[in-house]
C-alpha atoms as a PDB file:
ATOM      1  CA  MET A   1       0.000   0.000   0.000  1.00  0.00           C
ATOM      2  CA  ASP A   2       1.372   3.350  -0.997  1.00  0.00           C
ATOM      3  CA  SER A   3      -0.295   5.553   1.638  1.00  0.00           C
ATOM      4  CA  ASN A   4      -2.523   5.494   4.678  1.00  0.00           C
ATOM      5  CA  GLN A   5      -5.559   5.591   2.386  1.00  0.00           C
ATOM      6  CA  PRO A   6      -7.816   2.613   3.158  1.00  0.00           C
ATOM      7  CA  ILE A   7      -8.723   0.100   0.486  1.00  0.00           C
ATOM      8  CA  GLN A   8     -12.456  -0.531   0.305  1.00  0.00           C
ATOM      9  CA  ALA A   9     -14.193  -3.628  -1.052  1.00  0.00           C
ATOM     10  CA  VAL A  10     -17.628  -5.227  -0.828  1.00  0.00           C
ATOM     11  CA  GLY A  11     -18.407  -8.872  -0.188  1.00  0.00           C
ATOM     12  CA  ARG A  12     -21.810 -10.566  -0.360  1.00  0.00           C
ATOM     13  CA  ARG A  13     -23.266 -13.909   0.682  1.00  0.00           C
ATOM     14  CA  LYS A  14     -26.973 -14.828   0.901  1.00  0.00           C
ATOM     15  CA  THR A  15     -28.543 -11.617   2.238  1.00  0.00           C
ATOM     16  CA  SER A  16     -25.404 -10.329   3.983  1.00  0.00           C
ATOM     17  CA  VAL A  17     -23.407  -7.390   2.668  1.00  0.00           C
ATOM     18  CA  ALA A  18     -19.996  -6.512   4.115  1.00  0.00           C
ATOM     19  CA  ARG A  19     -18.039  -3.321   3.446  1.00  0.00           C
ATOM     20  CA  VAL A  20     -14.385  -3.996   4.220  1.00  0.00           C
ATOM     21  CA  PHE A  21     -11.683  -1.364   4.750  1.00  0.00           C
ATOM     22  CA  LEU A  22      -8.001  -2.407   4.840  1.00  0.00           C
ATOM     23  CA  ARG A  23      -5.389  -0.045   6.226  1.00  0.00           C
ATOM     24  CA  PRO A  24      -1.700  -0.617   6.919  1.00  0.00           C
ATOM     25  CA  GLY A  25      -1.323  -1.437  10.586  1.00  0.00           C
ATOM     26  CA  GLY A  26      -0.685  -4.043  13.206  1.00  0.00           C
ATOM     27  CA  GLY A  27      -3.491  -6.500  12.591  1.00  0.00           C
ATOM     28  CA  ARG A  28      -6.364  -4.922  14.551  1.00  0.00           C
ATOM     29  CA  TRP A  29      -9.936  -5.986  13.742  1.00  0.00           C
ATOM     30  CA  SER A  30     -13.168  -4.039  14.105  1.00  0.00           C
ATOM     31  CA  ILE A  31     -16.488  -5.525  13.005  1.00  0.00           C
ATOM     32  CA  ASN A  32     -19.430  -3.141  13.474  1.00  0.00           C
ATOM     33  CA  GLY A  33     -17.402  -1.432  16.212  1.00  0.00           C
ATOM     34  CA  ARG A  34     -16.745  -4.670  18.110  1.00  0.00           C
ATOM     35  CA  SER A  35     -13.764  -6.988  18.341  1.00  0.00           C
ATOM     36  CA  VAL A  36     -13.633 -10.110  16.182  1.00  0.00           C
ATOM     37  CA  GLU A  37     -13.815 -12.372  19.260  1.00  0.00           C
ATOM     38  CA  ASP A  38     -16.870 -10.518  20.507  1.00  0.00           C
ATOM     39  CA  TYR A  39     -18.699 -10.503  17.152  1.00  0.00           C
ATOM     40  CA  PHE A  40     -17.820 -14.066  16.105  1.00  0.00           C
ATOM     41  CA  PRO A  41     -17.650 -16.280  19.205  1.00  0.00           C
ATOM     42  CA  ARG A  42     -17.278 -19.456  17.118  1.00  0.00           C
ATOM     43  CA  PRO A  43     -13.676 -20.252  16.135  1.00  0.00           C
ATOM     44  CA  ALA A  44     -14.879 -21.638  12.781  1.00  0.00           C
ATOM     45  CA  HIS A  45     -16.236 -18.223  11.765  1.00  0.00           C
ATOM     46  CA  ARG A  46     -13.041 -16.486  12.848  1.00  0.00           C
ATOM     47  CA  ALA A  47     -10.924 -18.981  10.898  1.00  0.00           C
ATOM     48  CA  ARG A  48     -13.128 -18.413   7.854  1.00  0.00           C
ATOM     49  CA  ILE A  49     -12.690 -14.628   7.830  1.00  0.00           C
ATOM     50  CA  GLU A  50      -8.931 -14.822   8.523  1.00  0.00           C
ATOM     51  CA  GLY A  51      -8.397 -17.222   5.603  1.00  0.00           C
ATOM     52  CA  PRO A  52      -7.677 -14.607   2.899  1.00  0.00           C
ATOM     53  CA  LEU A  53      -5.043 -12.919   5.068  1.00  0.00           C
ATOM     54  CA  GLN A  54      -3.345 -16.277   5.652  1.00  0.00           C
ATOM     55  CA  VAL A  55      -3.323 -17.108   1.941  1.00  0.00           C
ATOM     56  CA  ALA A  56      -1.890 -13.676   1.090  1.00  0.00           C
ATOM     57  CA  ASP A  57       0.632 -13.725   4.006  1.00  0.00           C
ATOM     58  CA  SER A  58      -0.751 -10.395   5.253  1.00  0.00           C
ATOM     59  CA  GLU A  59      -1.602 -11.384   8.840  1.00  0.00           C
ATOM     60  CA  GLY A  60      -0.546  -8.685  11.254  1.00  0.00           C
ATOM     61  CA  GLU A  61       0.265  -6.230   8.448  1.00  0.00           C
ATOM     62  CA  VAL A  62      -3.163  -4.662   7.928  1.00  0.00           C
ATOM     63  CA  ASP A  63      -5.942  -3.345  10.122  1.00  0.00           C
ATOM     64  CA  VAL A  64      -9.391  -4.549   9.092  1.00  0.00           C
ATOM     65  CA  VAL A  65     -12.513  -2.441   9.657  1.00  0.00           C
ATOM     66  CA  VAL A  66     -15.813  -4.006   8.606  1.00  0.00           C
ATOM     67  CA  ARG A  67     -19.398  -2.782   8.396  1.00  0.00           C
ATOM     68  CA  VAL A  68     -21.689  -5.758   7.839  1.00  0.00           C
ATOM     69  CA  ASN A  69     -25.464  -6.159   7.890  1.00  0.00           C
ATOM     70  CA  GLY A  70     -28.117  -8.636   6.878  1.00  0.00           C
ATOM     71  CA  GLY A  71     -28.325 -12.382   7.243  1.00  0.00           C
ATOM     72  CA  GLY A  72     -26.890 -14.552   9.976  1.00  0.00           C
ATOM     73  CA  LEU A  73     -23.405 -15.081  11.333  1.00  0.00           C
ATOM     74  CA  THR A  74     -22.329 -17.635   8.722  1.00  0.00           C
ATOM     75  CA  GLY A  75     -23.505 -15.477   5.814  1.00  0.00           C
ATOM     76  CA  GLN A  76     -21.836 -12.447   7.351  1.00  0.00           C
ATOM     77  CA  ALA A  77     -18.577 -14.349   7.889  1.00  0.00           C
ATOM     78  CA  ASP A  78     -18.510 -15.445   4.251  1.00  0.00           C
ATOM     79  CA  ALA A  79     -19.350 -11.915   3.061  1.00  0.00           C
ATOM     80  CA  ILE A  80     -16.464 -10.532   5.132  1.00  0.00           C
ATOM     81  CA  ARG A  81     -14.181 -13.238   3.742  1.00  0.00           C
ATOM     82  CA  MET A  82     -15.012 -12.248   0.164  1.00  0.00           C
ATOM     83  CA  GLY A  83     -14.620  -8.530   0.904  1.00  0.00           C
ATOM     84  CA  ILE A  84     -11.178  -9.062   2.449  1.00  0.00           C
ATOM     85  CA  ALA A  85     -10.096 -11.188  -0.517  1.00  0.00           C
ATOM     86  CA  ARG A  86     -11.240  -8.512  -2.973  1.00  0.00           C
ATOM     87  CA  ALA A  87      -9.462  -5.782  -1.015  1.00  0.00           C
ATOM     88  CA  LEU A  88      -6.242  -7.817  -0.955  1.00  0.00           C
ATOM     89  CA  VAL A  89      -6.410  -8.162  -4.752  1.00  0.00           C
ATOM     90  CA  VAL A  90      -6.739  -4.383  -5.083  1.00  0.00           C
ATOM     91  CA  GLN A  91      -3.743  -4.008  -2.768  1.00  0.00           C
ATOM     92  CA  ASP A  92      -1.562  -6.595  -4.540  1.00  0.00           C
ATOM     93  CA  GLU A  93      -2.585  -8.206  -7.830  1.00  0.00           C
ATOM     94  CA  ASP A  94      -0.041 -11.020  -7.331  1.00  0.00           C
ATOM     95  CA  VAL A  95      -2.216 -12.737  -4.694  1.00  0.00           C
ATOM     96  CA  ARG A  96      -5.156 -13.178  -7.100  1.00  0.00           C
ATOM     97  CA  PRO A  97      -4.213 -16.714  -8.311  1.00  0.00           C
ATOM     98  CA  ALA A  98      -3.803 -18.044  -4.771  1.00  0.00           C
ATOM     99  CA  LEU A  99      -7.093 -16.505  -3.605  1.00  0.00           C
ATOM    100  CA  ARG A 100      -8.873 -17.700  -6.749  1.00  0.00           C
ATOM    101  CA  GLU A 101      -7.608 -21.264  -6.291  1.00  0.00           C
ATOM    102  CA  SER A 102      -8.813 -21.359  -2.691  1.00  0.00           C
ATOM    103  CA  GLY A 103     -12.253 -20.137  -3.841  1.00  0.00           C
ATOM    104  CA  MET A 104     -12.262 -16.866  -1.932  1.00  0.00           C
ATOM    105  CA  LEU A 105     -13.004 -14.628  -4.913  1.00  0.00           C
ATOM    106  CA  THR A 106     -16.006 -16.614  -6.161  1.00  0.00           C
ATOM    107  CA  ARG A 107     -19.424 -15.279  -5.212  1.00  0.00           C
ATOM    108  CA  ASP A 108     -21.600 -18.003  -3.704  1.00  0.00           C
ATOM    109  CA  ALA A 109     -24.924 -17.203  -5.362  1.00  0.00           C
ATOM    110  CA  ARG A 110     -27.050 -19.676  -3.398  1.00  0.00           C
ATOM    111  CA  LYS A 111     -29.987 -18.021  -1.675  1.00  0.00           C
ATOM    112  CA  VAL A 112     -33.122 -19.245   0.057  1.00  0.00           C
ATOM    113  CA  GLU A 113     -35.744 -20.278  -2.468  1.00  0.00           C
ATOM    114  CA  ARG A 114     -39.080 -18.548  -2.095  1.00  0.00           C
ATOM    115  CA  LYS A 115     -42.182 -20.319  -0.844  1.00  0.00           C
ATOM    116  CA  LYS A 116     -44.637 -21.212  -3.600  1.00  0.00           C
ATOM    117  CA  PRO A 117     -48.426 -20.843  -3.272  1.00  0.00           C
ATOM    118  CA  GLY A 118     -50.356 -24.026  -2.589  1.00  0.00           C
ATOM    119  CA  ARG A 119     -47.363 -25.690  -0.939  1.00  0.00           C
ATOM    120  CA  PRO A 120     -46.211 -25.777   2.671  1.00  0.00           C
ATOM    121  CA  LYS A 121     -42.617 -24.770   1.774  1.00  0.00           C
ATOM    122  CA  ALA A 122     -40.618 -24.000  -1.359  1.00  0.00           C
ATOM    123  CA  ARG A 123     -40.617 -27.524  -2.786  1.00  0.00           C
ATOM    124  CA  LYS A 124     -42.446 -29.680  -0.263  1.00  0.00           C
ATOM    125  CA  ARG A 125     -45.944 -30.799  -1.162  1.00  0.00           C
ATOM    126  CA  PHE A 126     -48.879 -31.734   0.998  1.00  0.00           C
ATOM    127  CA  GLN A 127     -49.400 -35.486   1.443  1.00  0.00           C
ATOM    128  CA  PHE A 128     -51.292 -37.004  -1.484  1.00  0.00           C
ATOM    129  CA  SER A 129     -54.512 -38.796  -0.573  1.00  0.00           C
ATOM    130  CA  LYS A 130     -56.127 -41.011  -3.192  1.00  0.00           C
ATOM    131  CA  ARG A 131     -59.406 -41.223  -1.284  1.00  0.00           C
END
């Protein structure tokens, strides 16, 4: 990074949208004004969002500030993961192949299917009765 100007990127997953800001620093995290341990108590979520920094060997070199809304914790974690990966590519284009191979730059387009009329759920049908 050439200056103290933050790099901004957006990540999405299901109904979650994460705005990620990367700044040069000592590895501090802020997610909606809270620490990463406070916001994501599950270690699996924390490991998921730290994945792009591990692949790019940038752990401890950047401060991450995130504004995320919508969805649940897993969708938010994956949105943050994608936003960090995109920001790292803007910072250094050389990490793109490694992030692409680990699947961190691919948008997961799966969303909840809507409920259809005349059915109890999206695809489930009421029990058929011949008589």
